[in-house]
Amino acid sequence: MFYTTVSILVGFLSDLIFGDPHQIPHPVAGIGRVIGLCVSGLLKEDDSPERKREKGVLMVCAVLFLCAAIPFAVLFFL
């Protein structure tokens, strides 16, 4: 019990000290914006369920590609 409490406290304090900087937007927020743009641009109310599924698969593939390609490019050029 003692070690668990200490571990949680150390983890919390470490996150406060070394956590994500507030000046830089979090990558997950950017991914959410990309998904929102894809949904508003691709999915239409009058699409059939099959067409919505196709567009959803395309959207998932595009978002996953971006989530892999951007870090790869950054690491490649560094």
PDB file of N, CA and C in Angstrom:
ATOM      1  N   MET A   1       0.823  -1.193   0.000  1.00  0.00           N
ATOM      2  CA  MET A   1       0.000   0.000   0.000  1.00  0.00           C
ATOM      3  C   MET A   1       0.867   1.256   0.000  1.00  0.00           C
ATOM      4  N   PHE A   2       1.922   1.244   0.811  1.00  0.00           N
ATOM      5  CA  PHE A   2       2.804   2.401   0.903  1.00  0.00           C
ATOM      6  C   PHE A   2       3.471   2.687  -0.434  1.00  0.00           C
ATOM      7  N   TYR A   3       3.992   1.630  -1.086  1.00  0.00           N
ATOM      8  CA  TYR A   3       4.689   1.811  -2.364  1.00  0.00           C
ATOM      9  C   TYR A   3       3.738   2.297  -3.458  1.00  0.00           C
ATOM     10  N   THR A   4       2.514   1.839  -3.425  1.00  0.00           N
ATOM     11  CA  THR A   4       1.527   2.288  -4.401  1.00  0.00           C
ATOM     12  C   THR A   4       1.245   3.774  -4.233  1.00  0.00           C
ATOM     13  N   THR A   5       1.067   4.201  -2.999  1.00  0.00           N
ATOM     14  CA  THR A   5       0.799   5.608  -2.724  1.00  0.00           C
ATOM     15  C   THR A   5       1.982   6.478  -3.134  1.00  0.00           C
ATOM     16  N   VAL A   6       3.185   6.036  -2.798  1.00  0.00           N
ATOM     17  CA  VAL A   6       4.380   6.789  -3.161  1.00  0.00           C
ATOM     18  C   VAL A   6       4.533   6.830  -4.679  1.00  0.00           C
ATOM     19  N   SER A   7       4.278   5.719  -5.358  1.00  0.00           N
ATOM     20  CA  SER A   7       4.387   5.670  -6.816  1.00  0.00           C
ATOM     21  C   SER A   7       3.413   6.631  -7.478  1.00  0.00           C
ATOM     22  N   ILE A   8       2.189   6.667  -7.000  1.00  0.00           N
ATOM     23  CA  ILE A   8       1.189   7.581  -7.551  1.00  0.00           C
ATOM     24  C   ILE A   8       1.602   9.027  -7.298  1.00  0.00           C
ATOM     25  N   LEU A   9       2.093   9.316  -6.099  1.00  0.00           N
ATOM     26  CA  LEU A   9       2.514  10.675  -5.768  1.00  0.00           C
ATOM     27  C   LEU A   9       3.712  11.104  -6.617  1.00  0.00           C
ATOM     28  N   VAL A  10       4.700  10.238  -6.771  1.00  0.00           N
ATOM     29  CA  VAL A  10       5.871  10.552  -7.588  1.00  0.00           C
ATOM     30  C   VAL A  10       5.460  10.736  -9.050  1.00  0.00           C
ATOM     31  N   GLY A  11       4.581   9.879  -9.553  1.00  0.00           N
ATOM     32  CA  GLY A  11       4.099  10.013 -10.927  1.00  0.00           C
ATOM     33  C   GLY A  11       3.351  11.317 -11.135  1.00  0.00           C
ATOM     34  N   PHE A  12       2.516  11.681 -10.200  1.00  0.00           N
ATOM     35  CA  PHE A  12       1.761  12.932 -10.300  1.00  0.00           C
ATOM     36  C   PHE A  12       2.696  14.131 -10.294  1.00  0.00           C
ATOM     37  N   LEU A  13       3.652  14.150  -9.370  1.00  0.00           N
ATOM     38  CA  LEU A  13       4.596  15.268  -9.297  1.00  0.00           C
ATOM     39  C   LEU A  13       5.483  15.323 -10.530  1.00  0.00           C
ATOM     40  N   SER A  14       5.908  14.166 -11.037  1.00  0.00           N
ATOM     41  CA  SER A  14       6.716  14.141 -12.261  1.00  0.00           C
ATOM     42  C   SER A  14       5.936  14.700 -13.441  1.00  0.00           C
ATOM     43  N   ASP A  15       4.649  14.380 -13.516  1.00  0.00           N
ATOM     44  CA  ASP A  15       3.826  14.893 -14.604  1.00  0.00           C
ATOM     45  C   ASP A  15       3.658  16.405 -14.483  1.00  0.00           C
ATOM     46  N   LEU A  16       3.531  16.904 -13.277  1.00  0.00           N
ATOM     47  CA  LEU A  16       3.431  18.355 -13.095  1.00  0.00           C
ATOM     48  C   LEU A  16       4.715  19.052 -13.535  1.00  0.00           C
ATOM     49  N   ILE A  17       5.857  18.437 -13.249  1.00  0.00           N
ATOM     50  CA  ILE A  17       7.142  19.069 -13.560  1.00  0.00           C
ATOM     51  C   ILE A  17       7.518  18.871 -15.026  1.00  0.00           C
ATOM     52  N   PHE A  18       7.410  17.642 -15.535  1.00  0.00           N
ATOM     53  CA  PHE A  18       7.914  17.305 -16.869  1.00  0.00           C
ATOM     54  C   PHE A  18       6.817  17.060 -17.896  1.00  0.00           C
ATOM     55  N   GLY A  19       5.577  17.277 -17.546  1.00  0.00           N
ATOM     56  CA  GLY A  19       4.461  16.956 -18.433  1.00  0.00           C
ATOM     57  C   GLY A  19       4.437  17.795 -19.698  1.00  0.00           C
ATOM     58  N   ASP A  20       3.369  17.664 -20.457  1.00  0.00           N
ATOM     59  CA  ASP A  20       3.226  18.386 -21.717  1.00  0.00           C
ATOM     60  C   ASP A  20       3.254  19.892 -21.473  1.00  0.00           C
ATOM     61  N   PRO A  21       4.057  20.612 -22.253  1.00  0.00           N
ATOM     62  CA  PRO A  21       4.072  22.073 -22.101  1.00  0.00           C
ATOM     63  C   PRO A  21       2.747  22.679 -22.584  1.00  0.00           C
ATOM     64  N   HIS A  22       2.325  23.721 -21.926  1.00  0.00           N
ATOM     65  CA  HIS A  22       1.038  24.345 -22.259  1.00  0.00           C
ATOM     66  C   HIS A  22       1.117  25.196 -23.522  1.00  0.00           C
ATOM     67  N   GLN A  23       2.332  25.550 -23.959  1.00  0.00           N
ATOM     68  CA  GLN A  23       2.469  26.384 -25.141  1.00  0.00           C
ATOM     69  C   GLN A  23       2.277  25.579 -26.429  1.00  0.00           C
ATOM     70  N   ILE A  24       2.518  24.283 -26.372  1.00  0.00           N
ATOM     71  CA  ILE A  24       2.442  23.436 -27.566  1.00  0.00           C
ATOM     72  C   ILE A  24       1.105  22.693 -27.537  1.00  0.00           C
ATOM     73  N   PRO A  25       0.332  22.755 -28.625  1.00  0.00           N
ATOM     74  CA  PRO A  25      -0.936  22.007 -28.638  1.00  0.00           C
ATOM     75  C   PRO A  25      -0.679  20.502 -28.584  1.00  0.00           C
ATOM     76  N   HIS A  26      -1.533  19.795 -27.906  1.00  0.00           N
ATOM     77  CA  HIS A  26      -1.375  18.350 -27.748  1.00  0.00           C
ATOM     78  C   HIS A  26      -1.697  17.644 -29.064  1.00  0.00           C
ATOM     79  N   PRO A  27      -0.917  16.639 -29.455  1.00  0.00           N
ATOM     80  CA  PRO A  27      -1.165  15.930 -30.714  1.00  0.00           C
ATOM     81  C   PRO A  27      -2.560  15.307 -30.802  1.00  0.00           C
ATOM     82  N   VAL A  28      -3.089  14.842 -29.683  1.00  0.00           N
ATOM     83  CA  VAL A  28      -4.418  14.233 -29.708  1.00  0.00           C
ATOM     84  C   VAL A  28      -5.480  15.263 -30.083  1.00  0.00           C
ATOM     85  N   ALA A  29      -5.297  16.504 -29.664  1.00  0.00           N
ATOM     86  CA  ALA A  29      -6.235  17.558 -30.056  1.00  0.00           C
ATOM     87  C   ALA A  29      -6.175  17.794 -31.560  1.00  0.00           C
ATOM     88  N   GLY A  30      -4.976  17.739 -32.133  1.00  0.00           N
ATOM     89  CA  GLY A  30      -4.831  17.878 -33.590  1.00  0.00           C
ATOM     90  C   GLY A  30      -5.480  16.730 -34.338  1.00  0.00           C
ATOM     91  N   ILE A  31      -5.331  15.530 -33.813  1.00  0.00           N
ATOM     92  CA  ILE A  31      -5.964  14.364 -34.439  1.00  0.00           C
ATOM     93  C   ILE A  31      -7.482  14.516 -34.390  1.00  0.00           C
ATOM     94  N   GLY A  32      -7.988  15.026 -33.287  1.00  0.00           N
ATOM     95  CA  GLY A  32      -9.429  15.258 -33.174  1.00  0.00           C
ATOM     96  C   GLY A  32      -9.927  16.273 -34.191  1.00  0.00           C
ATOM     97  N   ARG A  33      -9.129  17.311 -34.433  1.00  0.00           N
ATOM     98  CA  ARG A  33      -9.513  18.305 -35.446  1.00  0.00           C
ATOM     99  C   ARG A  33      -9.526  17.685 -36.840  1.00  0.00           C
ATOM    100  N   VAL A  34      -8.530  16.851 -37.135  1.00  0.00           N
ATOM    101  CA  VAL A  34      -8.489  16.181 -38.447  1.00  0.00           C
ATOM    102  C   VAL A  34      -9.709  15.285 -38.614  1.00  0.00           C
ATOM    103  N   ILE A  35     -10.053  14.545 -37.581  1.00  0.00           N
ATOM    104  CA  ILE A  35     -11.235  13.678 -37.650  1.00  0.00           C
ATOM    105  C   ILE A  35     -12.492  14.522 -37.859  1.00  0.00           C
ATOM    106  N   GLY A  36     -12.603  15.634 -37.153  1.00  0.00           N
ATOM    107  CA  GLY A  36     -13.758  16.522 -37.325  1.00  0.00           C
ATOM    108  C   GLY A  36     -13.867  17.060 -38.737  1.00  0.00           C
ATOM    109  N   LEU A  37     -12.728  17.452 -39.314  1.00  0.00           N
ATOM    110  CA  LEU A  37     -12.743  17.932 -40.701  1.00  0.00           C
ATOM    111  C   LEU A  37     -13.152  16.821 -41.660  1.00  0.00           C
ATOM    112  N   CYS A  38     -12.653  15.609 -41.421  1.00  0.00           N
ATOM    113  CA  CYS A  38     -13.020  14.483 -42.288  1.00  0.00           C
ATOM    114  C   CYS A  38     -14.511  14.180 -42.198  1.00  0.00           C
ATOM    115  N   VAL A  39     -15.035  14.183 -40.991  1.00  0.00           N
ATOM    116  CA  VAL A  39     -16.463  13.893 -40.811  1.00  0.00           C
ATOM    117  C   VAL A  39     -17.310  14.957 -41.494  1.00  0.00           C
ATOM    118  N   SER A  40     -16.972  16.213 -41.292  1.00  0.00           N
ATOM    119  CA  SER A  40     -17.792  17.273 -41.894  1.00  0.00           C
ATOM    120  C   SER A  40     -17.639  17.323 -43.409  1.00  0.00           C
ATOM    121  N   GLY A  41     -16.484  16.920 -43.920  1.00  0.00           N
ATOM    122  CA  GLY A  41     -16.263  16.973 -45.364  1.00  0.00           C
ATOM    123  C   GLY A  41     -16.708  15.737 -46.112  1.00  0.00           C
ATOM    124  N   LEU A  42     -16.664  14.582 -45.471  1.00  0.00           N
ATOM    125  CA  LEU A  42     -16.961  13.335 -46.177  1.00  0.00           C
ATOM    126  C   LEU A  42     -18.373  12.815 -45.948  1.00  0.00           C
ATOM    127  N   LEU A  43     -18.789  12.774 -44.695  1.00  0.00           N
ATOM    128  CA  LEU A  43     -20.060  12.118 -44.383  1.00  0.00           C
ATOM    129  C   LEU A  43     -21.238  13.055 -44.623  1.00  0.00           C
ATOM    130  N   LYS A  44     -22.197  12.556 -45.373  1.00  0.00           N
ATOM    131  CA  LYS A  44     -23.422  13.309 -45.663  1.00  0.00           C
ATOM    132  C   LYS A  44     -24.611  12.542 -45.095  1.00  0.00           C
ATOM    133  N   GLU A  45     -25.638  13.281 -44.712  1.00  0.00           N
ATOM    134  CA  GLU A  45     -26.823  12.662 -44.114  1.00  0.00           C
ATOM    135  C   GLU A  45     -27.547  11.730 -45.076  1.00  0.00           C
ATOM    136  N   ASP A  46     -27.554  12.063 -46.362  1.00  0.00           N
ATOM    137  CA  ASP A  46     -28.331  11.278 -47.315  1.00  0.00           C
ATOM    138  C   ASP A  46     -27.550  10.088 -47.883  1.00  0.00           C
ATOM    139  N   ASP A  47     -26.324   9.833 -47.395  1.00  0.00           N
ATOM    140  CA  ASP A  47     -25.567   8.659 -47.842  1.00  0.00           C
ATOM    141  C   ASP A  47     -26.193   7.382 -47.294  1.00  0.00           C
ATOM    142  N   SER A  48     -26.082   6.324 -48.075  1.00  0.00           N
ATOM    143  CA  SER A  48     -26.564   5.029 -47.610  1.00  0.00           C
ATOM    144  C   SER A  48     -25.614   4.499 -46.536  1.00  0.00           C
ATOM    145  N   PRO A  49     -26.079   3.550 -45.724  1.00  0.00           N
ATOM    146  CA  PRO A  49     -25.188   2.983 -44.696  1.00  0.00           C
ATOM    147  C   PRO A  49     -23.913   2.366 -45.289  1.00  0.00           C
ATOM    148  N   GLU A  50     -24.034   1.745 -46.460  1.00  0.00           N
ATOM    149  CA  GLU A  50     -22.855   1.155 -47.093  1.00  0.00           C
ATOM    150  C   GLU A  50     -21.863   2.236 -47.504  1.00  0.00           C
ATOM    151  N   ARG A  51     -22.382   3.333 -48.038  1.00  0.00           N
ATOM    152  CA  ARG A  51     -21.524   4.444 -48.466  1.00  0.00           C
ATOM    153  C   ARG A  51     -20.866   5.110 -47.255  1.00  0.00           C
ATOM    154  N   LYS A  52     -21.619   5.249 -46.163  1.00  0.00           N
ATOM    155  CA  LYS A  52     -21.048   5.807 -44.938  1.00  0.00           C
ATOM    156  C   LYS A  52     -19.922   4.904 -44.416  1.00  0.00           C
ATOM    157  N   ARG A  53     -20.128   3.601 -44.498  1.00  0.00           N
ATOM    158  CA  ARG A  53     -19.101   2.656 -44.050  1.00  0.00           C
ATOM    159  C   ARG A  53     -17.843   2.797 -44.909  1.00  0.00           C
ATOM    160  N   GLU A  54     -18.020   2.896 -46.229  1.00  0.00           N
ATOM    161  CA  GLU A  54     -16.865   3.058 -47.126  1.00  0.00           C
ATOM    162  C   GLU A  54     -16.109   4.343 -46.804  1.00  0.00           C
ATOM    163  N   LYS A  55     -16.850   5.427 -46.618  1.00  0.00           N
ATOM    164  CA  LYS A  55     -16.216   6.696 -46.293  1.00  0.00           C
ATOM    165  C   LYS A  55     -15.550   6.645 -44.914  1.00  0.00           C
ATOM    166  N   GLY A  56     -16.163   5.920 -43.986  1.00  0.00           N
ATOM    167  CA  GLY A  56     -15.569   5.765 -42.653  1.00  0.00           C
ATOM    168  C   GLY A  56     -14.264   4.995 -42.708  1.00  0.00           C
ATOM    169  N   VAL A  57     -14.221   3.945 -43.513  1.00  0.00           N
ATOM    170  CA  VAL A  57     -12.987   3.177 -43.672  1.00  0.00           C
ATOM    171  C   VAL A  57     -11.913   4.059 -44.307  1.00  0.00           C
ATOM    172  N   LEU A  58     -12.292   4.846 -45.311  1.00  0.00           N
ATOM    173  CA  LEU A  58     -11.345   5.761 -45.937  1.00  0.00           C
ATOM    174  C   LEU A  58     -10.826   6.788 -44.928  1.00  0.00           C
ATOM    175  N   MET A  59     -11.716   7.295 -44.098  1.00  0.00           N
ATOM    176  CA  MET A  59     -11.335   8.269 -43.088  1.00  0.00           C
ATOM    177  C   MET A  59     -10.373   7.661 -42.068  1.00  0.00           C
ATOM    178  N   VAL A  60     -10.654   6.449 -41.599  1.00  0.00           N
ATOM    179  CA  VAL A  60      -9.772   5.781 -40.644  1.00  0.00           C
ATOM    180  C   VAL A  60      -8.390   5.565 -41.252  1.00  0.00           C
ATOM    181  N   CYS A  61      -8.359   5.101 -42.492  1.00  0.00           N
ATOM    182  CA  CYS A  61      -7.071   4.880 -43.160  1.00  0.00           C
ATOM    183  C   CYS A  61      -6.293   6.184 -43.312  1.00  0.00           C
ATOM    184  N   ALA A  62      -6.973   7.255 -43.669  1.00  0.00           N
ATOM    185  CA  ALA A  62      -6.309   8.549 -43.847  1.00  0.00           C
ATOM    186  C   ALA A  62      -5.754   9.071 -42.523  1.00  0.00           C
ATOM    187  N   VAL A  63      -6.540   8.983 -41.457  1.00  0.00           N
ATOM    188  CA  VAL A  63      -6.090   9.475 -40.153  1.00  0.00           C
ATOM    189  C   VAL A  63      -4.928   8.625 -39.639  1.00  0.00           C
ATOM    190  N   LEU A  64      -5.028   7.307 -39.780  1.00  0.00           N
ATOM    191  CA  LEU A  64      -3.924   6.442 -39.351  1.00  0.00           C
ATOM    192  C   LEU A  64      -2.662   6.711 -40.163  1.00  0.00           C
ATOM    193  N   PHE A  65      -2.827   6.942 -41.461  1.00  0.00           N
ATOM    194  CA  PHE A  65      -1.669   7.258 -42.296  1.00  0.00           C
ATOM    195  C   PHE A  65      -1.000   8.543 -41.814  1.00  0.00           C
ATOM    196  N   LEU A  66      -1.799   9.577 -41.559  1.00  0.00           N
ATOM    197  CA  LEU A  66      -1.238  10.844 -41.080  1.00  0.00           C
ATOM    198  C   LEU A  66      -0.567  10.681 -39.723  1.00  0.00           C
ATOM    199  N   CYS A  67      -1.185   9.880 -38.851  1.00  0.00           N
ATOM    200  CA  CYS A  67      -0.620   9.676 -37.513  1.00  0.00           C
ATOM    201  C   CYS A  67       0.700   8.910 -37.566  1.00  0.00           C
ATOM    202  N   ALA A  68       0.925   8.169 -38.617  1.00  0.00           N
ATOM    203  CA  ALA A  68       2.199   7.468 -38.778  1.00  0.00           C
ATOM    204  C   ALA A  68       3.176   8.281 -39.621  1.00  0.00           C
ATOM    205  N   ALA A  69       2.686   8.949 -40.655  1.00  0.00           N
ATOM    206  CA  ALA A  69       3.567   9.634 -41.603  1.00  0.00           C
ATOM    207  C   ALA A  69       4.211  10.884 -41.008  1.00  0.00           C
ATOM    208  N   ILE A  70       3.471  11.638 -40.231  1.00  0.00           N
ATOM    209  CA  ILE A  70       4.026  12.879 -39.683  1.00  0.00           C
ATOM    210  C   ILE A  70       5.166  12.597 -38.703  1.00  0.00           C
ATOM    211  N   PRO A  71       4.993  11.706 -37.710  1.00  0.00           N
ATOM    212  CA  PRO A  71       6.142  11.409 -36.840  1.00  0.00           C
ATOM    213  C   PRO A  71       7.300  10.765 -37.608  1.00  0.00           C
ATOM    214  N   PHE A  72       6.992   9.916 -38.586  1.00  0.00           N
ATOM    215  CA  PHE A  72       8.056   9.308 -39.390  1.00  0.00           C
ATOM    216  C   PHE A  72       8.858  10.377 -40.110  1.00  0.00           C
ATOM    217  N   ALA A  73       8.167  11.339 -40.715  1.00  0.00           N
ATOM    218  CA  ALA A  73       8.866  12.401 -41.443  1.00  0.00           C
ATOM    219  C   ALA A  73       9.707  13.250 -40.497  1.00  0.00           C
ATOM    220  N   VAL A  74       9.153  13.577 -39.345  1.00  0.00           N
ATOM    221  CA  VAL A  74       9.915  14.374 -38.377  1.00  0.00           C
ATOM    222  C   VAL A  74      11.164  13.629 -37.927  1.00  0.00           C
ATOM    223  N   LEU A  75      11.014  12.354 -37.580  1.00  0.00           N
ATOM    224  CA  LEU A  75      12.176  11.576 -37.146  1.00  0.00           C
ATOM    225  C   LEU A  75      13.157  11.349 -38.283  1.00  0.00           C
ATOM    226  N   PHE A  76      12.659  11.182 -39.489  1.00  0.00           N
ATOM    227  CA  PHE A  76      13.541  10.956 -40.639  1.00  0.00           C
ATOM    228  C   PHE A  76      14.424  12.178 -40.884  1.00  0.00           C
ATOM    229  N   PHE A  77      13.822  13.354 -40.832  1.00  0.00           N
ATOM    230  CA  PHE A  77      14.581  14.575 -41.139  1.00  0.00           C
ATOM    231  C   PHE A  77      15.415  15.060 -39.951  1.00  0.00           C
ATOM    232  N   LEU A  78      15.158  14.558 -38.768  1.00  0.00           N
ATOM    233  CA  LEU A  78      15.991  14.916 -37.617  1.00  0.00           C
ATOM    234  C   LEU A  78      17.260  14.082 -37.657  1.00  0.00           C
TER     235      LEU A  78
END
